[in-house]
């Protein structure tokens, strides 16, 4: 989600008329048995211009089964402009999601322009099933004790830091 500087017009971000019928015309199956046929959703865009970044974004979406949310959902069904410059309006800010998450999108919104930015804020609202586990067992929490530095504390610290257990913990922490 953000400023891609990509102008995609209304290019399809999916394989239109996708089919698994290719296997009917060959002796061998060129598609895997678990191949999922790509389905397209209509997408509107007020910006009808395209650029190289836009073509690249569309190629990424097609090859990775990603979908542009702009122009498809309540709050931005018209594919509103997201950027205003002295050269005019454009749509260069996008929210992109996987096909698997499309059913979780409640709505996508392009907010009105304001004087603070040349880009409009975009919002995505997702449905989430999050279960919070409430635990209020404060009795089991240990209280932090004060550490008093003694004459032999320096030697104890050096010995602990030199131990194999601590060295392994440090090495594993960095991984």
Protein backbone atom coordinates (compact mmCIF):
# COMPACT_ATOMS: atom_id res chain seq x y z
CA UNK A 1 0.00 0.00 0.00
CA UNK A 2 1.44 3.33 -0.98
CA UNK A 3 2.81 5.52 -3.75
CA UNK A 4 3.90 3.23 -6.60
CA UNK A 5 4.19 6.06 -9.18
CA UNK A 6 2.36 3.55 -11.36
CA UNK A 7 -0.34 4.62 -13.78
CA UNK A 8 -2.37 1.56 -14.72
CA UNK A 9 -5.46 3.03 -16.43
CA UNK A 10 -7.98 0.20 -16.39
CA UNK A 11 -5.53 -2.56 -17.31
CA UNK A 12 -6.58 -5.99 -16.06
CA UNK A 13 -4.56 -7.24 -13.09
CA UNK A 14 -5.61 -10.83 -13.76
CA UNK A 15 -5.63 -13.37 -16.58
CA UNK A 16 -8.85 -12.63 -18.43
CA UNK A 17 -10.67 -15.67 -19.86
CA UNK A 18 -8.36 -18.02 -17.93
CA UNK A 19 -9.19 -21.68 -18.38
CA UNK A 20 -7.86 -25.12 -17.59
CA UNK A 21 -9.07 -26.30 -21.01
CA UNK A 22 -5.50 -26.31 -22.30
CA UNK A 23 -5.21 -29.88 -21.12
CA UNK A 24 -7.89 -30.94 -23.64
CA UNK A 25 -5.71 -30.01 -26.62
CA UNK A 26 -2.55 -31.86 -25.66
CA UNK A 27 -1.66 -35.40 -24.84
CA UNK A 28 0.09 -34.25 -21.69
CA UNK A 29 -1.26 -32.07 -18.92
CA UNK A 30 0.61 -28.80 -19.02
CA UNK A 31 -1.30 -27.42 -16.04
CA UNK A 32 -1.14 -28.98 -12.59
CA UNK A 33 -4.27 -30.74 -11.34
CA UNK A 34 -4.64 -28.20 -8.53
CA UNK A 35 -4.49 -25.22 -10.92
CA UNK A 36 -6.81 -22.42 -9.79
CA UNK A 37 -8.47 -20.56 -12.64
CA UNK A 38 -7.92 -16.83 -12.38
CA UNK A 39 -11.09 -14.79 -11.92
CA UNK A 40 -11.32 -11.11 -12.72
CA UNK A 41 -13.21 -8.38 -10.94
CA UNK A 42 -14.06 -5.17 -12.78
CA UNK A 43 -11.89 -2.21 -11.78
CA UNK A 44 -12.58 1.45 -12.49
CA UNK A 45 -9.96 4.17 -12.74
CA UNK A 46 -10.50 7.86 -13.47
CA UNK A 47 -6.86 8.06 -14.57
CA UNK A 48 -6.78 6.62 -18.08
CA UNK A 49 -3.02 7.08 -18.58
CA UNK A 50 -0.45 4.28 -18.38
CA UNK A 51 3.28 4.27 -17.76
CA UNK A 52 6.10 1.73 -17.39
CA UNK A 53 5.63 1.52 -13.61
CA UNK A 54 1.96 0.79 -14.22
CA UNK A 55 2.77 -2.01 -16.65
CA UNK A 56 5.25 -3.43 -14.15
CA UNK A 57 2.67 -3.31 -11.35
CA UNK A 58 0.12 -5.10 -13.55
CA UNK A 59 2.71 -7.75 -14.48
CA UNK A 60 3.51 -8.27 -10.80
CA UNK A 61 -0.19 -8.61 -9.95
CA UNK A 62 -0.80 -11.16 -12.71
CA UNK A 63 2.28 -13.25 -11.95
CA UNK A 64 1.72 -13.23 -8.17
CA UNK A 65 -2.09 -13.37 -8.08
CA UNK A 66 -2.33 -9.97 -6.47
CA UNK A 67 -5.22 -7.57 -6.94
CA UNK A 68 -5.41 -3.79 -6.92
CA UNK A 69 -8.15 -2.63 -4.55
CA UNK A 70 -8.55 0.86 -6.04
CA UNK A 71 -11.74 1.20 -8.07
CA UNK A 72 -13.29 -2.04 -6.85
CA UNK A 73 -14.79 -1.42 -3.44
CA UNK A 74 -17.29 0.75 -1.63
CA UNK A 75 -15.54 4.01 -0.89
CA UNK A 76 -13.70 4.09 -4.22
CA UNK A 77 -15.95 2.36 -6.74
CA UNK A 78 -15.10 5.06 -9.32
CA UNK A 79 -11.32 4.70 -8.97
CA UNK A 80 -10.73 8.23 -7.76
CA UNK A 81 -7.54 10.19 -8.39
CA UNK A 82 -4.93 9.90 -5.64
CA UNK A 83 -2.40 12.57 -6.66
CA UNK A 84 -2.55 16.17 -7.81
CA UNK A 85 0.42 18.00 -9.37
CA UNK A 86 0.84 21.08 -11.55
CA UNK A 87 0.54 18.65 -14.50
CA UNK A 88 -2.89 17.46 -13.36
CA UNK A 89 -4.53 14.59 -11.54
CA UNK A 90 -3.38 10.96 -11.52
CA UNK A 91 -3.85 7.68 -9.66
CA UNK A 92 -0.48 6.47 -8.43
CA UNK A 93 -1.25 5.36 -4.86
CA UNK A 94 -2.52 1.81 -4.56
CA UNK A 95 -3.51 -0.85 -2.10
CA UNK A 96 -2.69 -4.33 -3.37
CA UNK A 97 -3.62 -7.64 -1.78
CA UNK A 98 -3.48 -11.33 -2.52
CA UNK A 99 -6.48 -13.07 -4.03
CA UNK A 100 -6.74 -15.09 -0.82
CA UNK A 101 -7.35 -11.92 1.22
CA UNK A 102 -9.91 -10.31 -1.10
CA UNK A 103 -12.80 -11.79 0.88
CA UNK A 104 -11.47 -10.05 4.00
CA UNK A 105 -11.61 -6.56 2.45
CA UNK A 106 -14.61 -4.70 3.84
CA UNK A 107 -13.98 -1.51 1.91
CA UNK A 108 -11.32 0.62 0.32
CA UNK A 109 -11.55 4.38 0.47
CA UNK A 110 -9.78 7.24 -1.28
CA UNK A 111 -10.13 10.26 1.01
CA UNK A 112 -10.60 13.80 -0.33
CA UNK A 113 -7.47 15.84 -1.02
CA UNK A 114 -6.35 18.26 1.68
CA UNK A 115 -3.84 21.09 1.79
CA UNK A 116 -1.21 19.02 3.64
CA UNK A 117 -0.24 16.76 0.76
CA UNK A 118 -0.39 16.36 -2.99
CA UNK A 119 -1.56 12.77 -2.39
CA UNK A 120 -4.94 11.66 -1.13
CA UNK A 121 -4.97 9.36 1.86
CA UNK A 122 -6.12 5.82 1.07
CA UNK A 123 -7.67 3.45 3.61
CA UNK A 124 -8.35 -0.28 3.66
CA UNK A 125 -10.61 -1.92 6.20
CA UNK A 126 -10.22 -5.66 6.68
CA UNK A 127 -12.31 -8.21 8.55
CA UNK A 128 -10.17 -10.03 11.08
CA UNK A 129 -10.94 -12.89 13.42
CA UNK A 130 -8.68 -12.16 16.34
CA UNK A 131 -9.28 -13.75 19.69
CA UNK A 132 -7.60 -11.99 22.56
CA UNK A 133 -6.72 -14.08 25.55
CA UNK A 134 -7.22 -12.04 28.69
CA UNK A 135 -4.92 -12.93 31.55
CA UNK A 136 -4.80 -10.86 34.66
CA UNK A 137 -2.70 -13.15 36.79
CA UNK A 138 -0.44 -10.46 38.22
CA UNK A 139 0.52 -12.61 41.21
CA UNK A 140 2.74 -14.77 39.01
CA UNK A 141 4.77 -11.80 37.81
CA UNK A 142 8.11 -11.48 39.48
CA UNK A 143 9.08 -8.11 40.77
CA UNK A 144 12.32 -6.60 39.55
CA UNK A 145 14.94 -6.49 42.22
CA UNK A 146 17.63 -3.93 42.55
CA UNK A 147 21.13 -5.05 41.65
CA UNK A 148 23.90 -3.92 43.95
CA UNK A 149 27.40 -3.86 42.51
CA UNK A 150 29.89 -5.52 44.83
CA UNK A 151 33.63 -6.01 44.68
CA UNK A 152 33.38 -9.45 43.03
CA UNK A 153 30.53 -8.47 40.63
CA UNK A 154 32.91 -7.62 37.82
CA UNK A 155 34.51 -11.07 37.92
CA UNK A 156 31.08 -12.78 38.10
CA UNK A 157 29.92 -10.82 35.03
CA UNK A 158 33.04 -11.79 33.05
CA UNK A 159 32.56 -15.46 33.94
CA UNK A 160 28.90 -15.46 32.96
CA UNK A 161 29.57 -13.71 29.64
CA UNK A 162 32.34 -16.22 28.88
CA UNK A 163 30.07 -19.22 29.48
CA UNK A 164 29.12 -21.38 26.49
CA UNK A 165 25.41 -21.03 27.27
CA UNK A 166 25.50 -17.23 27.00
CA UNK A 167 27.65 -17.35 23.84
CA UNK A 168 25.13 -19.73 22.21
CA UNK A 169 22.23 -17.46 23.22
CA UNK A 170 23.96 -14.46 21.63
CA UNK A 171 24.73 -16.36 18.42
CA UNK A 172 21.16 -17.69 18.18
CA UNK A 173 19.74 -14.24 18.88
CA UNK A 174 21.54 -12.81 15.86
CA UNK A 175 20.08 -15.47 13.56
